[in-house]
Amino acid sequence: MERKEPGTLYLCATPIGNLEDITLRVLRILKEVDCIAAEDTRHTRKLLSHFEIHTPLTSYHSYSSESKEESLIQRLLQGQNIALVSDAGLPGISDPGADLVRQALAENIKVVPVPGPSASLTALVASGLPTHKFVFEGFLSNQRKSRKKQLQELKREQRTLIFYESPHRLTDTLKDMLEELGDRPCAVARELTKLHEEIKRGKLSELLAYFIENHPRGEITIIVGGLPEGEITAAEVAEWSDLSLSDHVALLEAQGLDKKEAIKQVAKIRGIPKREVYAKVHT
């Protein structure tokens, strides 16, 4: 019996709000594939209905069992083409699509990205903050202790920071950012491309005050400026001001840096020659 060639897994970007943002290529692929795997079939069914697409739909989300993933892989191996979509934007970002992609690649199944809207990049280019270097962090922990620890690990990051957040946690997150990162420039974008789109720009303290008074709704993306080169946060100064050079190096090692990088960072932070730090650490 002749073995069929595997099908293709298409990663199709869907609108983050305005339905007019869907691409012609995505519409064609959604019509042509054998099946569409969706994060929320109810949400995707509305999209398909709007564009009069009648392709069979199946669910694939963070609560899907391993057997569901295996079922999709088997269909691909049997020659079927499947389109993977999330509720909004590119599948595989802050959703389980990445797991299906890894499994498909392990089985030598062709994976084709079909680009389109992305909330993170849409917010970034409209933020007014540097776009030449940035890092996407997705959702921070919903536990305050863990969230603050994550932010502490990012406070020396010089690239622009991108986060997703839910409306009911926005003010708590902005408060933690202000405490751990300092009063940096920031943009909060919500309901992007929708009727009530709002992009607020200012210092973290200003945006925290605004959203305490104006309770946000909808999907939210936060863009925070990176640490300017050579600048030291007040929190950092307080953290190491009473430490010896050796203890300061040990502190950075405990935060995940290797000894060589820790010595380099201590010299940079304190504005002293690296050899001076090295000598103290190795005496």
Protein backbone atom coordinates (compact mmCIF):
# COMPACT_ATOMS: atom_id res chain seq x y z
CA MET A 1 0.00 0.00 0.00
CA GLU A 2 1.47 3.35 -1.06
CA ARG A 3 2.24 5.66 1.85
CA LYS A 4 0.64 9.10 1.59
CA GLU A 5 2.73 12.22 1.80
CA PRO A 6 2.08 14.08 5.09
CA GLY A 7 -0.13 17.11 4.94
CA THR A 8 0.82 20.63 6.01
CA LEU A 9 0.21 22.43 9.27
CA TYR A 10 -0.60 26.08 8.55
CA LEU A 11 -0.20 28.64 11.35
CA CYS A 12 -2.81 31.23 10.42
CA ALA A 13 -2.91 34.67 12.03
CA THR A 14 -6.42 35.95 12.75
CA PRO A 15 -7.59 39.51 13.54
CA ILE A 16 -6.87 40.88 17.02
CA GLY A 17 -9.99 43.01 16.73
CA ASN A 18 -10.91 44.52 13.38
CA LEU A 19 -12.01 41.76 11.00
CA GLU A 20 -10.69 43.76 8.03
CA ASP A 21 -7.15 42.93 9.19
CA ILE A 22 -7.38 39.31 8.07
CA THR A 23 -5.24 38.60 5.00
CA LEU A 24 -6.45 37.27 1.67
CA ARG A 25 -4.00 34.39 2.00
CA VAL A 26 -5.40 33.35 5.39
CA LEU A 27 -8.93 33.40 3.99
CA ARG A 28 -7.91 31.18 1.08
CA ILE A 29 -6.11 28.66 3.30
CA LEU A 30 -8.98 28.48 5.79
CA LYS A 31 -11.27 27.56 2.88
CA GLU A 32 -8.89 25.00 1.35
CA VAL A 33 -7.65 22.99 4.35
CA ASP A 34 -9.32 19.79 5.53
CA CYS A 35 -9.73 21.01 9.09
CA ILE A 36 -9.25 24.09 11.30
CA ALA A 37 -7.91 23.55 14.84
CA ALA A 38 -9.06 26.44 17.02
CA GLU A 39 -8.29 27.66 20.53
CA ASP A 40 -12.00 28.43 21.05
CA THR A 41 -14.36 26.97 18.45
CA ARG A 42 -17.19 29.32 19.46
CA HIS A 43 -15.00 32.36 18.84
CA THR A 44 -13.57 31.03 15.57
CA ARG A 45 -17.01 29.94 14.32
CA LYS A 46 -18.10 33.60 14.38
CA LEU A 47 -15.06 34.53 12.27
CA LEU A 48 -15.73 31.74 9.77
CA SER A 49 -19.40 32.63 9.57
CA HIS A 50 -18.57 36.27 8.81
CA PHE A 51 -16.43 35.22 5.84
CA GLU A 52 -18.76 32.36 4.79
CA ILE A 53 -16.16 29.66 5.39
CA HIS A 54 -17.55 26.18 6.04
CA THR A 55 -14.41 24.15 6.74
CA PRO A 56 -14.79 21.56 9.57
CA LEU A 57 -13.70 22.89 12.95
CA THR A 58 -12.12 21.13 15.94
CA SER A 59 -10.85 22.40 19.28
CA TYR A 60 -7.22 22.55 20.36
CA HIS A 61 -6.45 24.55 23.50
CA SER A 62 -4.43 24.48 26.72
CA TYR A 63 -6.80 21.93 28.26
CA SER A 64 -6.68 19.54 25.31
CA SER A 65 -5.46 16.06 26.14
CA GLU A 66 -2.35 14.51 24.63
CA SER A 67 -4.68 12.23 22.66
CA LYS A 68 -6.15 15.28 20.89
CA GLU A 69 -2.69 16.45 19.86
CA GLU A 70 -1.87 12.93 18.69
CA SER A 71 -5.13 12.83 16.72
CA LEU A 72 -4.20 16.01 14.85
CA ILE A 73 -0.70 14.66 14.14
CA GLN A 74 -2.16 11.43 12.79
CA ARG A 75 -4.47 13.35 10.47
CA LEU A 76 -1.49 15.31 9.17
CA LEU A 77 0.50 12.10 8.67
CA GLN A 78 -2.43 10.70 6.68
CA GLY A 79 -2.14 13.60 4.24
CA GLN A 80 -4.68 16.07 5.60
CA ASN A 81 -3.91 19.79 5.71
CA ILE A 82 -4.76 21.56 8.97
CA ALA A 83 -4.92 25.27 9.82
CA LEU A 84 -4.12 26.21 13.41
CA VAL A 85 -5.67 29.43 14.71
CA SER A 86 -5.80 31.18 18.08
CA ASP A 87 -8.56 33.48 19.30
CA ALA A 88 -6.59 36.47 18.04
CA GLY A 89 -3.24 37.08 16.40
CA LEU A 90 -0.55 34.51 15.68
CA PRO A 91 -1.03 30.98 17.04
CA GLY A 92 1.79 29.65 19.19
CA ILE A 93 2.28 32.88 21.17
CA SER A 94 0.97 32.55 24.74
CA ASP A 95 -1.13 29.55 23.70
CA PRO A 96 -0.50 25.78 23.28
CA GLY A 97 0.08 25.99 19.53
CA ALA A 98 3.82 25.81 20.08
CA ASP A 99 3.44 22.24 21.42
CA LEU A 100 1.65 21.10 18.26
CA VAL A 101 4.31 22.77 16.10
CA ARG A 102 7.12 20.94 17.92
CA GLN A 103 5.36 17.61 17.57
CA ALA A 104 4.68 18.19 13.87
CA LEU A 105 8.32 19.05 13.20
CA ALA A 106 9.42 15.93 15.09
CA GLU A 107 7.32 13.91 12.64
CA ASN A 108 8.81 15.73 9.63
CA ILE A 109 5.48 17.39 8.89
CA LYS A 110 5.72 20.64 6.96
CA VAL A 111 4.85 23.71 9.04
CA VAL A 112 3.97 26.91 7.18
CA PRO A 113 3.50 30.27 8.96
CA VAL A 114 0.88 32.54 7.45
CA PRO A 115 1.58 35.97 9.00
CA GLY A 116 -0.84 38.66 10.01
CA PRO A 117 -1.87 40.74 13.04
CA SER A 118 0.05 40.55 16.32
CA ALA A 119 -0.96 42.52 19.42
CA SER A 120 2.61 42.69 20.74
CA LEU A 121 4.11 44.24 17.60
CA THR A 122 1.09 46.45 16.94
CA ALA A 123 1.43 47.97 20.41
CA LEU A 124 5.21 48.25 20.12
CA VAL A 125 5.26 50.28 16.90
CA ALA A 126 2.64 52.68 18.29
CA SER A 127 4.25 53.05 21.72
CA GLY A 128 6.86 55.64 20.82
CA LEU A 129 9.50 53.53 22.58
CA PRO A 130 12.60 52.07 20.86
CA THR A 131 11.75 49.30 18.41
CA HIS A 132 15.22 48.26 17.20
CA LYS A 133 15.70 45.91 20.17
CA PHE A 134 12.90 44.40 22.24
CA VAL A 135 12.02 41.32 24.27
CA PHE A 136 8.59 39.68 24.58
CA GLU A 137 7.77 38.37 28.06
CA GLY A 138 4.11 37.44 27.59
CA PHE A 139 2.03 37.16 30.77
CA LEU A 140 3.76 37.68 34.11
CA SER A 141 2.81 35.44 37.03
CA ASN A 142 -0.52 36.15 38.71
CA GLN A 143 1.19 35.59 42.08
CA ARG A 144 2.69 38.86 43.34
CA LYS A 145 5.83 37.34 44.86
CA SER A 146 6.65 35.48 41.63
CA ARG A 147 5.74 38.48 39.48
CA LYS A 148 8.09 40.77 41.43
CA LYS A 149 10.87 38.20 41.12
CA GLN A 150 10.36 38.08 37.34
CA LEU A 151 10.57 41.87 37.18
CA GLN A 152 13.69 41.92 39.35
CA GLU A 153 15.36 39.64 36.80
CA LEU A 154 14.47 42.14 34.04
CA LYS A 155 15.51 45.40 35.72
CA ARG A 156 18.89 45.54 33.97
CA GLU A 157 17.40 44.64 30.58
CA GLN A 158 18.19 47.45 28.13
CA ARG A 159 15.80 46.29 25.41
CA THR A 160 12.19 47.48 25.27
CA LEU A 161 9.96 45.10 27.26
CA ILE A 162 6.62 43.75 25.99
CA PHE A 163 4.01 42.13 28.25
CA TYR A 164 0.44 40.88 27.99
CA GLU A 165 -1.92 41.47 30.91
CA SER A 166 -5.56 41.05 31.87
CA PRO A 167 -7.60 44.14 32.83
CA HIS A 168 -8.28 43.09 36.42
CA ARG A 169 -4.54 42.70 37.14
CA LEU A 170 -3.28 45.78 35.26
CA THR A 171 -2.95 48.19 38.20
CA ASP A 172 -1.25 45.58 40.40
CA THR A 173 1.24 44.85 37.63
CA LEU A 174 1.94 48.54 36.94
CA LYS A 175 2.53 49.07 40.67
CA ASP A 176 5.03 46.18 40.80
CA MET A 177 6.75 47.48 37.65
CA LEU A 178 7.11 50.92 39.21
CA GLU A 179 8.60 49.43 42.40
CA GLU A 180 11.00 47.04 40.68
CA LEU A 181 11.95 48.87 37.46
CA GLY A 182 11.66 52.51 38.49
CA ASP A 183 9.53 55.22 36.87
CA ARG A 184 10.24 54.34 33.25
CA PRO A 185 8.44 55.45 30.07
CA CYS A 186 5.58 53.11 29.26
CA ALA A 187 2.62 52.58 26.94
CA VAL A 188 -0.52 50.62 27.75
CA ALA A 189 -2.53 49.53 24.72
CA ARG A 190 -5.96 48.00 25.06
CA GLU A 191 -8.68 46.90 22.63
CA LEU A 192 -6.23 47.29 19.73
CA THR A 193 -7.90 47.75 16.31
CA LYS A 194 -11.35 47.70 17.94
CA LEU A 195 -13.90 50.49 18.27
CA HIS A 196 -12.70 51.56 21.73
CA GLU A 197 -8.96 51.25 21.05
CA GLU A 198 -6.89 53.18 23.58
CA ILE A 199 -3.12 53.69 23.81
CA LYS A 200 -1.97 55.62 26.87
CA ARG A 201 1.65 56.79 27.00
CA GLY A 202 3.62 58.27 29.88
CA LYS A 203 5.65 57.32 32.94
CA LEU A 204 4.69 54.19 34.86
CA SER A 205 3.56 56.36 37.78
CA GLU A 206 1.29 58.41 35.49
CA LEU A 207 -0.30 55.36 33.89
CA LEU A 208 -0.81 53.68 37.26
CA ALA A 209 -2.67 56.77 38.51
CA TYR A 210 -4.74 56.91 35.32
CA PHE A 211 -5.87 53.30 35.42
CA ILE A 212 -6.66 53.43 39.14
CA GLU A 213 -9.20 56.11 38.21
CA ASN A 214 -10.23 54.58 34.87
CA HIS A 215 -10.76 50.84 35.23
CA PRO A 216 -9.60 49.17 31.99
CA ARG A 217 -11.45 46.63 29.88
CA GLY A 218 -10.38 44.34 27.07
CA GLU A 219 -7.11 42.72 26.04
CA ILE A 220 -4.05 44.66 27.20
CA THR A 221 -0.44 44.96 26.01
CA ILE A 222 2.14 46.82 28.11
CA ILE A 223 5.30 48.28 26.57
CA VAL A 224 8.02 49.41 29.01
CA GLY A 225 11.26 51.17 28.16
CA GLY A 226 14.49 49.29 28.85
CA LEU A 227 17.10 50.51 31.30
CA PRO A 228 19.11 53.30 29.61
CA GLU A 229 22.72 52.30 29.12
CA GLY A 230 24.85 53.24 32.10
CA GLU A 231 21.85 54.03 34.33
CA ILE A 232 21.43 52.37 37.71
CA THR A 233 18.01 52.09 39.34
CA ALA A 234 17.45 53.37 42.87
CA ALA A 235 16.39 49.86 43.88
CA GLU A 236 19.72 48.49 42.66
CA VAL A 237 21.72 51.08 44.58
CA ALA A 238 19.83 50.21 47.75
CA GLU A 239 20.40 46.54 47.06
CA TRP A 240 24.20 46.70 46.85
CA SER A 241 25.25 49.93 48.56
CA ASP A 242 26.28 48.14 51.77
CA LEU A 243 27.78 45.10 50.05
CA SER A 244 31.46 44.36 49.57
CA LEU A 245 32.62 43.72 46.01
CA SER A 246 32.77 39.97 46.70
CA ASP A 247 29.26 39.93 48.14
CA HIS A 248 27.98 42.00 45.22
CA VAL A 249 29.39 39.45 42.77
CA ALA A 250 27.85 36.64 44.83
CA LEU A 251 24.48 38.42 44.69
CA LEU A 252 24.51 38.55 40.88
CA GLU A 253 25.61 34.91 40.73
CA ALA A 254 22.60 34.00 42.87
CA GLN A 255 20.43 35.82 40.32
CA GLY A 256 21.71 33.52 37.55
CA LEU A 257 24.86 35.13 36.13
CA ASP A 258 28.09 33.15 35.87
CA LYS A 259 31.10 34.51 37.81
CA LYS A 260 32.78 36.12 34.80
CA GLU A 261 29.64 38.01 33.79
CA ALA A 262 28.88 38.92 37.42
CA ILE A 263 32.34 40.49 37.80
CA LYS A 264 31.83 42.43 34.57
CA GLN A 265 28.41 43.70 35.70
CA VAL A 266 29.61 44.73 39.16
CA ALA A 267 32.44 46.75 37.59
CA LYS A 268 29.99 48.41 35.20
CA ILE A 269 27.39 49.16 37.89
CA ARG A 270 29.93 50.63 40.31
CA GLY A 271 31.97 52.41 37.66
CA ILE A 272 35.27 50.81 38.61
CA PRO A 273 37.86 48.77 36.65
CA LYS A 274 36.99 45.11 36.17
CA ARG A 275 40.45 44.08 37.41
CA GLU A 276 39.67 45.72 40.78
CA VAL A 277 36.59 43.54 41.21
CA TYR A 278 38.46 40.47 39.98
CA ALA A 279 41.24 41.04 42.51
CA LYS A 280 38.80 41.31 45.43
CA VAL A 281 36.87 38.17 44.38
CA HIS A 282 40.03 36.06 43.99
CA THR A 283 41.93 37.14 47.11
